[in-house]
């Protein structure tokens, strides 16, 4: 499934439940790599983008997880789709997998 369709589906669900997506939000991200060295290199590139990396941990099946958070950013349509595409490309360049994102978005008061 393309980043555009995933983001569109997420935005539709968020709107359905009344979440505010027009504000800037920090976005947590999740990657998997197959070596510690690859994970470290990925982490360095994420830092260069201005992202905080929480850590690199060995997980099940000899995979390494890289998790962190972006500074607050727009999560609307094309901007967020472009960001997801960049994360996919970054993962590919490090022979890793971009496993997705997560964030807290608030409902109107």
PDB file of N, CA and C in Angstrom:
ATOM      1  N   UNK A   1       0.854  -1.176   0.000  1.00  0.00           N
ATOM      2  CA  UNK A   1       0.000   0.000   0.000  1.00  0.00           C
ATOM      3  C   UNK A   1       0.897   1.236   0.000  1.00  0.00           C
ATOM      4  N   UNK A   2       0.583   2.219  -0.799  1.00  0.00           N
ATOM      5  CA  UNK A   2       1.412   3.423  -0.921  1.00  0.00           C
ATOM      6  C   UNK A   2       1.269   4.324   0.296  1.00  0.00           C
ATOM      7  N   UNK A   3       2.278   5.159   0.512  1.00  0.00           N
ATOM      8  CA  UNK A   3       2.219   6.117   1.626  1.00  0.00           C
ATOM      9  C   UNK A   3       0.995   7.002   1.507  1.00  0.00           C
ATOM     10  N   UNK A   4       0.671   7.426   0.279  1.00  0.00           N
ATOM     11  CA  UNK A   4      -0.456   8.325   0.084  1.00  0.00           C
ATOM     12  C   UNK A   4      -1.760   7.687   0.566  1.00  0.00           C
ATOM     13  N   UNK A   5      -1.990   6.432   0.207  1.00  0.00           N
ATOM     14  CA  UNK A   5      -3.241   5.791   0.616  1.00  0.00           C
ATOM     15  C   UNK A   5      -3.274   5.522   2.120  1.00  0.00           C
ATOM     16  N   UNK A   6      -2.133   5.193   2.706  1.00  0.00           N
ATOM     17  CA  UNK A   6      -2.081   4.975   4.155  1.00  0.00           C
ATOM     18  C   UNK A   6      -2.347   6.279   4.889  1.00  0.00           C
ATOM     19  N   UNK A   7      -1.697   7.349   4.475  1.00  0.00           N
ATOM     20  CA  UNK A   7      -1.901   8.649   5.122  1.00  0.00           C
ATOM     21  C   UNK A   7      -3.336   9.109   4.937  1.00  0.00           C
ATOM     22  N   UNK A   8      -3.870   8.976   3.736  1.00  0.00           N
ATOM     23  CA  UNK A   8      -5.261   9.387   3.478  1.00  0.00           C
ATOM     24  C   UNK A   8      -6.226   8.625   4.381  1.00  0.00           C
ATOM     25  N   UNK A   9      -6.024   7.315   4.505  1.00  0.00           N
ATOM     26  CA  UNK A   9      -6.886   6.494   5.359  1.00  0.00           C
ATOM     27  C   UNK A   9      -6.775   6.955   6.819  1.00  0.00           C
ATOM     28  N   UNK A  10      -5.546   7.223   7.267  1.00  0.00           N
ATOM     29  CA  UNK A  10      -5.331   7.679   8.639  1.00  0.00           C
ATOM     30  C   UNK A  10      -6.016   9.026   8.873  1.00  0.00           C
ATOM     31  N   UNK A  11      -5.888   9.963   7.925  1.00  0.00           N
ATOM     32  CA  UNK A  11      -6.532  11.267   8.067  1.00  0.00           C
ATOM     33  C   UNK A  11      -8.055  11.136   8.100  1.00  0.00           C
ATOM     34  N   UNK A  12      -8.605  10.261   7.260  1.00  0.00           N
ATOM     35  CA  UNK A  12     -10.054  10.045   7.259  1.00  0.00           C
ATOM     36  C   UNK A  12     -10.542   9.521   8.606  1.00  0.00           C
ATOM     37  N   UNK A  13      -9.832   8.561   9.160  1.00  0.00           N
ATOM     38  CA  UNK A  13     -10.213   8.014  10.468  1.00  0.00           C
ATOM     39  C   UNK A  13     -10.073   9.072  11.547  1.00  0.00           C
ATOM     40  N   UNK A  14      -8.988   9.841  11.504  1.00  0.00           N
ATOM     41  CA  UNK A  14      -8.774  10.902  12.498  1.00  0.00           C
ATOM     42  C   UNK A  14      -9.901  11.922  12.448  1.00  0.00           C
ATOM     43  N   UNK A  15     -10.295  12.335  11.245  1.00  0.00           N
ATOM     44  CA  UNK A  15     -11.389  13.294  11.102  1.00  0.00           C
ATOM     45  C   UNK A  15     -12.702  12.714  11.625  1.00  0.00           C
ATOM     46  N   UNK A  16     -12.929  11.456  11.347  1.00  0.00           N
ATOM     47  CA  UNK A  16     -14.159  10.792  11.786  1.00  0.00           C
ATOM     48  C   UNK A  16     -14.311  10.884  13.301  1.00  0.00           C
ATOM     49  N   UNK A  17     -13.205  10.767  14.019  1.00  0.00           N
ATOM     50  CA  UNK A  17     -13.250  10.817  15.478  1.00  0.00           C
ATOM     51  C   UNK A  17     -13.000  12.215  16.025  1.00  0.00           C
ATOM     52  N   UNK A  18     -12.957  13.206  15.141  1.00  0.00           N
ATOM     53  CA  UNK A  18     -12.867  14.595  15.566  1.00  0.00           C
ATOM     54  C   UNK A  18     -11.500  15.066  16.009  1.00  0.00           C
ATOM     55  N   UNK A  19     -10.456  14.357  15.621  1.00  0.00           N
ATOM     56  CA  UNK A  19      -9.108  14.762  16.017  1.00  0.00           C
ATOM     57  C   UNK A  19      -8.679  16.010  15.264  1.00  0.00           C
ATOM     58  N   UNK A  20      -7.855  16.801  15.918  1.00  0.00           N
ATOM     59  CA  UNK A  20      -7.323  18.015  15.299  1.00  0.00           C
ATOM     60  C   UNK A  20      -6.004  17.659  14.619  1.00  0.00           C
ATOM     61  N   UNK A  21      -5.981  17.725  13.296  1.00  0.00           N
ATOM     62  CA  UNK A  21      -4.758  17.404  12.558  1.00  0.00           C
ATOM     63  C   UNK A  21      -4.148  18.637  11.912  1.00  0.00           C
ATOM     64  N   UNK A  22      -4.787  19.795  12.072  1.00  0.00           N
ATOM     65  CA  UNK A  22      -4.255  21.018  11.461  1.00  0.00           C
ATOM     66  C   UNK A  22      -3.096  21.596  12.268  1.00  0.00           C
ATOM     67  N   UNK A  23      -2.921  21.153  13.489  1.00  0.00           N
ATOM     68  CA  UNK A  23      -1.824  21.634  14.327  1.00  0.00           C
ATOM     69  C   UNK A  23      -0.540  20.849  14.017  1.00  0.00           C
ATOM     70  N   UNK A  24       0.584  21.380  14.479  1.00  0.00           N
ATOM     71  CA  UNK A  24       1.852  20.667  14.346  1.00  0.00           C
ATOM     72  C   UNK A  24       1.952  19.625  15.456  1.00  0.00           C
ATOM     73  N   UNK A  25       2.459  18.446  15.116  1.00  0.00           N
ATOM     74  CA  UNK A  25       2.561  17.348  16.078  1.00  0.00           C
ATOM     75  C   UNK A  25       3.919  16.681  15.981  1.00  0.00           C
ATOM     76  N   UNK A  26       4.528  16.315  17.127  1.00  0.00           N
ATOM     77  CA  UNK A  26       5.691  15.440  17.057  1.00  0.00           C
ATOM     78  C   UNK A  26       5.209  14.063  16.615  1.00  0.00           C
ATOM     79  N   UNK A  27       5.995  13.394  15.792  1.00  0.00           N
ATOM     80  CA  UNK A  27       5.605  12.089  15.251  1.00  0.00           C
ATOM     81  C   UNK A  27       6.669  11.069  15.647  1.00  0.00           C
ATOM     82  N   UNK A  28       6.239  10.011  16.328  1.00  0.00           N
ATOM     83  CA  UNK A  28       7.161   8.930  16.640  1.00  0.00           C
ATOM     84  C   UNK A  28       7.297   8.037  15.409  1.00  0.00           C
ATOM     85  N   UNK A  29       8.481   7.473  15.224  1.00  0.00           N
ATOM     86  CA  UNK A  29       8.729   6.616  14.070  1.00  0.00           C
ATOM     87  C   UNK A  29       9.386   5.322  14.522  1.00  0.00           C
ATOM     88  N   UNK A  30       9.226   4.292  13.682  1.00  0.00           N
ATOM     89  CA  UNK A  30       9.694   2.954  14.023  1.00  0.00           C
ATOM     90  C   UNK A  30      10.336   2.312  12.791  1.00  0.00           C
ATOM     91  N   UNK A  31      11.562   1.843  12.962  1.00  0.00           N
ATOM     92  CA  UNK A  31      12.285   1.153  11.901  1.00  0.00           C
ATOM     93  C   UNK A  31      12.784  -0.187  12.431  1.00  0.00           C
ATOM     94  N   UNK A  32      12.988  -1.124  11.528  1.00  0.00           N
ATOM     95  CA  UNK A  32      13.671  -2.374  11.842  1.00  0.00           C
ATOM     96  C   UNK A  32      14.833  -2.546  10.887  1.00  0.00           C
ATOM     97  N   UNK A  33      15.967  -3.002  11.434  1.00  0.00           N
ATOM     98  CA  UNK A  33      17.158  -3.311  10.640  1.00  0.00           C
ATOM     99  C   UNK A  33      17.608  -4.719  10.992  1.00  0.00           C
ATOM    100  N   UNK A  34      18.547  -5.227  10.199  1.00  0.00           N
ATOM    101  CA  UNK A  34      18.990  -6.589  10.416  1.00  0.00           C
ATOM    102  C   UNK A  34      20.409  -6.667  10.968  1.00  0.00           C
ATOM    103  N   UNK A  35      20.996  -5.500  11.297  1.00  0.00           N
ATOM    104  CA  UNK A  35      22.305  -5.505  11.958  1.00  0.00           C
ATOM    105  C   UNK A  35      22.426  -4.248  12.827  1.00  0.00           C
ATOM    106  N   UNK A  36      23.267  -4.354  13.802  1.00  0.00           N
ATOM    107  CA  UNK A  36      23.498  -3.210  14.685  1.00  0.00           C
ATOM    108  C   UNK A  36      24.165  -2.065  13.918  1.00  0.00           C
ATOM    109  N   UNK A  37      25.092  -2.396  13.029  1.00  0.00           N
ATOM    110  CA  UNK A  37      25.781  -1.361  12.252  1.00  0.00           C
ATOM    111  C   UNK A  37      24.814  -0.593  11.359  1.00  0.00           C
ATOM    112  N   UNK A  38      23.930  -1.308  10.683  1.00  0.00           N
ATOM    113  CA  UNK A  38      22.940  -0.658   9.829  1.00  0.00           C
ATOM    114  C   UNK A  38      22.037   0.238  10.662  1.00  0.00           C
ATOM    115  N   UNK A  39      21.648  -0.243  11.836  1.00  0.00           N
ATOM    116  CA  UNK A  39      20.802   0.553  12.732  1.00  0.00           C
ATOM    117  C   UNK A  39      21.511   1.819  13.179  1.00  0.00           C
ATOM    118  N   UNK A  40      22.797   1.702  13.476  1.00  0.00           N
ATOM    119  CA  UNK A  40      23.573   2.878  13.890  1.00  0.00           C
ATOM    120  C   UNK A  40      23.672   3.898  12.769  1.00  0.00           C
ATOM    121  N   UNK A  41      23.920   3.425  11.551  1.00  0.00           N
ATOM    122  CA  UNK A  41      24.001   4.335  10.405  1.00  0.00           C
ATOM    123  C   UNK A  41      22.662   5.030  10.163  1.00  0.00           C
ATOM    124  N   UNK A  42      21.578   4.280  10.274  1.00  0.00           N
ATOM    125  CA  UNK A  42      20.239   4.853  10.131  1.00  0.00           C
ATOM    126  C   UNK A  42      20.003   5.907  11.210  1.00  0.00           C
ATOM    127  N   UNK A  43      20.392   5.606  12.424  1.00  0.00           N
ATOM    128  CA  UNK A  43      20.234   6.538  13.535  1.00  0.00           C
ATOM    129  C   UNK A  43      20.987   7.847  13.280  1.00  0.00           C
ATOM    130  N   UNK A  44      22.176   7.747  12.738  1.00  0.00           N
ATOM    131  CA  UNK A  44      22.975   8.944  12.423  1.00  0.00           C
ATOM    132  C   UNK A  44      22.237   9.808  11.401  1.00  0.00           C
ATOM    133  N   UNK A  45      21.691   9.184  10.359  1.00  0.00           N
ATOM    134  CA  UNK A  45      20.961   9.955   9.346  1.00  0.00           C
ATOM    135  C   UNK A  45      19.686  10.579   9.915  1.00  0.00           C
ATOM    136  N   UNK A  46      19.030   9.891  10.823  1.00  0.00           N
ATOM    137  CA  UNK A  46      17.836  10.463  11.472  1.00  0.00           C
ATOM    138  C   UNK A  46      18.211  11.676  12.328  1.00  0.00           C
ATOM    139  N   UNK A  47      19.335  11.586  13.030  1.00  0.00           N
ATOM    140  CA  UNK A  47      19.835  12.736  13.800  1.00  0.00           C
ATOM    141  C   UNK A  47      20.135  13.917  12.878  1.00  0.00           C
ATOM    142  N   UNK A  48      20.705  13.651  11.708  1.00  0.00           N
ATOM    143  CA  UNK A  48      21.015  14.717  10.754  1.00  0.00           C
ATOM    144  C   UNK A  48      19.753  15.444  10.291  1.00  0.00           C
ATOM    145  N   UNK A  49      18.618  14.740  10.303  1.00  0.00           N
ATOM    146  CA  UNK A  49      17.337  15.359   9.939  1.00  0.00           C
ATOM    147  C   UNK A  49      16.742  16.169  11.101  1.00  0.00           C
ATOM    148  N   UNK A  50      17.414  16.145  12.245  1.00  0.00           N
ATOM    149  CA  UNK A  50      16.930  16.886  13.406  1.00  0.00           C
ATOM    150  C   UNK A  50      15.995  16.079  14.290  1.00  0.00           C
ATOM    151  N   UNK A  51      15.981  14.751  14.098  1.00  0.00           N
ATOM    152  CA  UNK A  51      15.098  13.889  14.869  1.00  0.00           C
ATOM    153  C   UNK A  51      15.824  13.344  16.090  1.00  0.00           C
ATOM    154  N   UNK A  52      15.063  13.110  17.151  1.00  0.00           N
ATOM    155  CA  UNK A  52      15.608  12.475  18.352  1.00  0.00           C
ATOM    156  C   UNK A  52      15.428  10.969  18.208  1.00  0.00           C
ATOM    157  N   UNK A  53      16.493  10.218  18.399  1.00  0.00           N
ATOM    158  CA  UNK A  53      16.412   8.758  18.373  1.00  0.00           C
ATOM    159  C   UNK A  53      16.457   8.286  19.815  1.00  0.00           C
ATOM    160  N   UNK A  54      15.412   7.549  20.211  1.00  0.00           N
ATOM    161  CA  UNK A  54      15.334   7.053  21.589  1.00  0.00           C
ATOM    162  C   UNK A  54      16.386   5.998  21.855  1.00  0.00           C
ATOM    163  N   UNK A  55      16.615   5.182  20.869  1.00  0.00           N
ATOM    164  CA  UNK A  55      17.589   4.132  21.065  1.00  0.00           C
ATOM    165  C   UNK A  55      17.526   3.083  19.981  1.00  0.00           C
ATOM    166  N   UNK A  56      18.534   2.229  20.032  1.00  0.00           N
ATOM    167  CA  UNK A  56      18.631   1.088  19.134  1.00  0.00           C
ATOM    168  C   UNK A  56      18.608  -0.140  20.031  1.00  0.00           C
ATOM    169  N   UNK A  57      17.658  -1.027  19.776  1.00  0.00           N
ATOM    170  CA  UNK A  57      17.531  -2.207  20.619  1.00  0.00           C
ATOM    171  C   UNK A  57      17.453  -3.465  19.756  1.00  0.00           C
ATOM    172  N   UNK A  58      18.076  -4.516  20.263  1.00  0.00           N
ATOM    173  CA  UNK A  58      17.925  -5.796  19.588  1.00  0.00           C
ATOM    174  C   UNK A  58      16.560  -6.358  19.971  1.00  0.00           C
ATOM    175  N   UNK A  59      15.831  -6.805  18.969  1.00  0.00           N
ATOM    176  CA  UNK A  59      14.511  -7.366  19.227  1.00  0.00           C
ATOM    177  C   UNK A  59      14.484  -8.823  18.768  1.00  0.00           C
ATOM    178  N   UNK A  60      13.303  -9.348  18.588  1.00  0.00           N
ATOM    179  CA  UNK A  60      13.156 -10.745  18.186  1.00  0.00           C
ATOM    180  C   UNK A  60      13.747 -11.004  16.798  1.00  0.00           C
ATOM    181  N   UNK A  61      14.050 -12.252  16.550  1.00  0.00           N
ATOM    182  CA  UNK A  61      14.475 -12.707  15.223  1.00  0.00           C
ATOM    183  C   UNK A  61      15.699 -11.982  14.688  1.00  0.00           C
ATOM    184  N   UNK A  62      16.613 -11.635  15.556  1.00  0.00           N
ATOM    185  CA  UNK A  62      17.862 -10.968  15.172  1.00  0.00           C
ATOM    186  C   UNK A  62      17.620  -9.683  14.399  1.00  0.00           C
ATOM    187  N   UNK A  63      16.575  -8.967  14.767  1.00  0.00           N
ATOM    188  CA  UNK A  63      16.297  -7.664  14.171  1.00  0.00           C
ATOM    189  C   UNK A  63      16.587  -6.594  15.204  1.00  0.00           C
ATOM    190  N   UNK A  64      16.896  -5.415  14.709  1.00  0.00           N
ATOM    191  CA  UNK A  64      17.200  -4.282  15.566  1.00  0.00           C
ATOM    192  C   UNK A  64      16.138  -3.217  15.337  1.00  0.00           C
ATOM    193  N   UNK A  65      15.619  -2.655  16.413  1.00  0.00           N
ATOM    194  CA  UNK A  65      14.617  -1.598  16.265  1.00  0.00           C
ATOM    195  C   UNK A  65      15.272  -0.241  16.515  1.00  0.00           C
ATOM    196  N   UNK A  66      14.861   0.726  15.732  1.00  0.00           N
ATOM    197  CA  UNK A  66      15.295   2.114  15.872  1.00  0.00           C
ATOM    198  C   UNK A  66      14.018   2.927  16.032  1.00  0.00           C
ATOM    199  N   UNK A  67      13.887   3.597  17.160  1.00  0.00           N
ATOM    200  CA  UNK A  67      12.690   4.396  17.420  1.00  0.00           C
ATOM    201  C   UNK A  67      13.094   5.801  17.817  1.00  0.00           C
ATOM    202  N   UNK A  68      12.203   6.743  17.567  1.00  0.00           N
ATOM    203  CA  UNK A  68      12.479   8.122  17.931  1.00  0.00           C
ATOM    204  C   UNK A  68      11.292   9.007  17.627  1.00  0.00           C
ATOM    205  N   UNK A  69      11.558  10.314  17.593  1.00  0.00           N
ATOM    206  CA  UNK A  69      10.481  11.284  17.396  1.00  0.00           C
ATOM    207  C   UNK A  69      10.993  12.479  16.596  1.00  0.00           C
ATOM    208  N   UNK A  70      10.102  13.034  15.793  1.00  0.00           N
ATOM    209  CA  UNK A  70      10.408  14.236  15.022  1.00  0.00           C
ATOM    210  C   UNK A  70      10.090  15.462  15.866  1.00  0.00           C
ATOM    211  N   UNK A  71      10.598  16.617  15.483  1.00  0.00           N
ATOM    212  CA  UNK A  71      10.074  17.861  16.053  1.00  0.00           C
ATOM    213  C   UNK A  71       8.620  18.004  15.588  1.00  0.00           C
ATOM    214  N   UNK A  72       7.831  18.873  16.212  1.00  0.00           N
ATOM    215  CA  UNK A  72       6.458  19.082  15.733  1.00  0.00           C
ATOM    216  C   UNK A  72       6.448  19.411  14.242  1.00  0.00           C
ATOM    217  N   UNK A  73       5.541  18.744  13.527  1.00  0.00           N
ATOM    218  CA  UNK A  73       5.455  18.914  12.074  1.00  0.00           C
ATOM    219  C   UNK A  73       4.002  18.815  11.627  1.00  0.00           C
ATOM    220  N   UNK A  74       3.756  19.233  10.391  1.00  0.00           N
ATOM    221  CA  UNK A  74       2.420  19.146   9.815  1.00  0.00           C
ATOM    222  C   UNK A  74       2.093  17.690   9.515  1.00  0.00           C
ATOM    223  N   UNK A  75       0.877  17.281   9.856  1.00  0.00           N
ATOM    224  CA  UNK A  75       0.445  15.916   9.557  1.00  0.00           C
ATOM    225  C   UNK A  75      -0.714  15.919   8.557  1.00  0.00           C
ATOM    226  N   UNK A  76      -0.808  16.984   7.789  1.00  0.00           N
ATOM    227  CA  UNK A  76      -1.876  17.066   6.801  1.00  0.00           C
ATOM    228  C   UNK A  76      -1.392  16.555   5.447  1.00  0.00           C
ATOM    229  N   UNK A  77      -2.285  15.890   4.761  1.00  0.00           N
ATOM    230  CA  UNK A  77      -2.172  15.428   3.389  1.00  0.00           C
ATOM    231  C   UNK A  77      -0.807  15.281   2.771  1.00  0.00           C
ATOM    232  N   UNK A  78      -0.529  16.129   1.779  1.00  0.00           N
ATOM    233  CA  UNK A  78       0.669  15.981   0.956  1.00  0.00           C
ATOM    234  C   UNK A  78       1.961  16.081   1.750  1.00  0.00           C
ATOM    235  N   UNK A  79       2.009  16.963   2.742  1.00  0.00           N
ATOM    236  CA  UNK A  79       3.224  17.110   3.542  1.00  0.00           C
ATOM    237  C   UNK A  79       3.538  15.818   4.283  1.00  0.00           C
ATOM    238  N   UNK A  80       2.529  15.242   4.893  1.00  0.00           N
ATOM    239  CA  UNK A  80       2.745  14.018   5.672  1.00  0.00           C
ATOM    240  C   UNK A  80       3.049  12.826   4.763  1.00  0.00           C
ATOM    241  N   UNK A  81       2.407  12.766   3.621  1.00  0.00           N
ATOM    242  CA  UNK A  81       2.700  11.715   2.649  1.00  0.00           C
ATOM    243  C   UNK A  81       4.146  11.820   2.181  1.00  0.00           C
ATOM    244  N   UNK A  82       4.609  13.045   1.900  1.00  0.00           N
ATOM    245  CA  UNK A  82       6.004  13.246   1.478  1.00  0.00           C
ATOM    246  C   UNK A  82       6.959  12.797   2.574  1.00  0.00           C
ATOM    247  N   UNK A  83       6.631  13.103   3.826  1.00  0.00           N
ATOM    248  CA  UNK A  83       7.480  12.677   4.950  1.00  0.00           C
ATOM    249  C   UNK A  83       7.544  11.151   5.007  1.00  0.00           C
ATOM    250  N   UNK A  84       6.403  10.476   4.881  1.00  0.00           N
ATOM    251  CA  UNK A  84       6.377   9.009   4.923  1.00  0.00           C
ATOM    252  C   UNK A  84       7.200   8.426   3.775  1.00  0.00           C
ATOM    253  N   UNK A  85       7.122   9.033   2.599  1.00  0.00           N
ATOM    254  CA  UNK A  85       7.924   8.577   1.462  1.00  0.00           C
ATOM    255  C   UNK A  85       9.419   8.736   1.742  1.00  0.00           C
ATOM    256  N   UNK A  86       9.796   9.844   2.375  1.00  0.00           N
ATOM    257  CA  UNK A  86      11.204  10.069   2.730  1.00  0.00           C
ATOM    258  C   UNK A  86      11.669   9.006   3.722  1.00  0.00           C
ATOM    259  N   UNK A  87      10.826   8.669   4.693  1.00  0.00           N
ATOM    260  CA  UNK A  87      11.185   7.644   5.681  1.00  0.00           C
ATOM    261  C   UNK A  87      11.335   6.277   5.007  1.00  0.00           C
ATOM    262  N   UNK A  88      10.455   5.966   4.044  1.00  0.00           N
ATOM    263  CA  UNK A  88      10.584   4.716   3.281  1.00  0.00           C
ATOM    264  C   UNK A  88      11.899   4.682   2.513  1.00  0.00           C
ATOM    265  N   UNK A  89      12.236   5.784   1.861  1.00  0.00           N
ATOM    266  CA  UNK A  89      13.475   5.850   1.076  1.00  0.00           C
ATOM    267  C   UNK A  89      14.699   5.751   1.985  1.00  0.00           C
ATOM    268  N   UNK A  90      14.637   6.393   3.142  1.00  0.00           N
ATOM    269  CA  UNK A  90      15.748   6.316   4.094  1.00  0.00           C
ATOM    270  C   UNK A  90      15.937   4.874   4.556  1.00  0.00           C
ATOM    271  N   UNK A  91      14.839   4.205   4.848  1.00  0.00           N
ATOM    272  CA  UNK A  91      14.923   2.794   5.249  1.00  0.00           C
ATOM    273  C   UNK A  91      15.552   1.962   4.133  1.00  0.00           C
ATOM    274  N   UNK A  92      15.080   2.161   2.911  1.00  0.00           N
ATOM    275  CA  UNK A  92      15.631   1.408   1.778  1.00  0.00           C
ATOM    276  C   UNK A  92      17.130   1.638   1.617  1.00  0.00           C
ATOM    277  N   UNK A  93      17.567   2.879   1.815  1.00  0.00           N
ATOM    278  CA  UNK A  93      18.988   3.199   1.648  1.00  0.00           C
ATOM    279  C   UNK A  93      19.858   2.530   2.706  1.00  0.00           C
ATOM    280  N   UNK A  94      19.231   2.098   3.808  1.00  0.00           N
ATOM    281  CA  UNK A  94      19.958   1.416   4.888  1.00  0.00           C
ATOM    282  C   UNK A  94      19.571  -0.058   4.989  1.00  0.00           C
ATOM    283  N   UNK A  95      18.936  -0.569   3.931  1.00  0.00           N
ATOM    284  CA  UNK A  95      18.494  -1.970   3.923  1.00  0.00           C
ATOM    285  C   UNK A  95      17.715  -2.288   5.198  1.00  0.00           C
ATOM    286  N   UNK A  96      16.795  -1.377   5.526  1.00  0.00           N
ATOM    287  CA  UNK A  96      15.963  -1.486   6.720  1.00  0.00           C
ATOM    288  C   UNK A  96      14.495  -1.385   6.313  1.00  0.00           C
ATOM    289  N   UNK A  97      13.616  -1.478   7.286  1.00  0.00           N
ATOM    290  CA  UNK A  97      12.185  -1.358   7.048  1.00  0.00           C
ATOM    291  C   UNK A  97      11.620  -0.209   7.871  1.00  0.00           C
ATOM    292  N   UNK A  98      10.875   0.677   7.227  1.00  0.00           N
ATOM    293  CA  UNK A  98      10.137   1.718   7.943  1.00  0.00           C
ATOM    294  C   UNK A  98       8.839   1.065   8.384  1.00  0.00           C
ATOM    295  N   UNK A  99       8.687   0.889   9.691  1.00  0.00           N
ATOM    296  CA  UNK A  99       7.557   0.130  10.225  1.00  0.00           C
ATOM    297  C   UNK A  99       6.350   1.001  10.525  1.00  0.00           C
ATOM    298  N   UNK A 100       6.518   2.318  10.473  1.00  0.00           N
ATOM    299  CA  UNK A 100       5.360   3.184  10.672  1.00  0.00           C
ATOM    300  C   UNK A 100       5.611   4.316  11.635  1.00  0.00           C
ATOM    301  N   UNK A 101       4.505   4.921  12.051  1.00  0.00           N
ATOM    302  CA  UNK A 101       4.568   6.093  12.909  1.00  0.00           C
ATOM    303  C   UNK A 101       3.428   6.043  13.914  1.00  0.00           C
ATOM    304  N   UNK A 102       3.522   6.931  14.883  1.00  0.00           N
ATOM    305  CA  UNK A 102       2.455   7.083  15.864  1.00  0.00           C
ATOM    306  C   UNK A 102       2.503   8.487  16.432  1.00  0.00           C
ATOM    307  N   UNK A 103       1.358   8.964  16.887  1.00  0.00           N
ATOM    308  CA  UNK A 103       1.317  10.294  17.500  1.00  0.00           C
ATOM    309  C   UNK A 103       0.051  10.434  18.308  1.00  0.00           C
ATOM    310  N   UNK A 104       0.081  11.356  19.226  1.00  0.00           N
ATOM    311  CA  UNK A 104      -1.117  11.729  19.968  1.00  0.00           C
ATOM    312  C   UNK A 104      -1.675  12.981  19.328  1.00  0.00           C
ATOM    313  N   UNK A 105      -2.936  12.943  18.983  1.00  0.00           N
ATOM    314  CA  UNK A 105      -3.581  14.144  18.474  1.00  0.00           C
ATOM    315  C   UNK A 105      -4.821  14.383  19.328  1.00  0.00           C
ATOM    316  N   UNK A 106      -5.068  15.626  19.633  1.00  0.00           N
ATOM    317  CA  UNK A 106      -6.150  15.913  20.565  1.00  0.00           C
ATOM    318  C   UNK A 106      -7.459  16.197  19.832  1.00  0.00           C
ATOM    319  N   UNK A 107      -8.517  15.962  20.571  1.00  0.00           N
ATOM    320  CA  UNK A 107      -9.851  16.249  20.050  1.00  0.00           C
ATOM    321  C   UNK A 107     -10.212  17.687  20.435  1.00  0.00           C
ATOM    322  N   UNK A 108     -11.072  18.315  19.678  1.00  0.00           N
ATOM    323  CA  UNK A 108     -11.495  19.674  20.046  1.00  0.00           C
ATOM    324  C   UNK A 108     -12.194  19.663  21.401  1.00  0.00           C
ATOM    325  N   UNK A 109     -12.032  20.750  22.111  1.00  0.00           N
ATOM    326  CA  UNK A 109     -12.668  20.849  23.431  1.00  0.00           C
ATOM    327  C   UNK A 109     -14.122  21.185  23.302  1.00  0.00           C
TER     328      UNK A 109
END
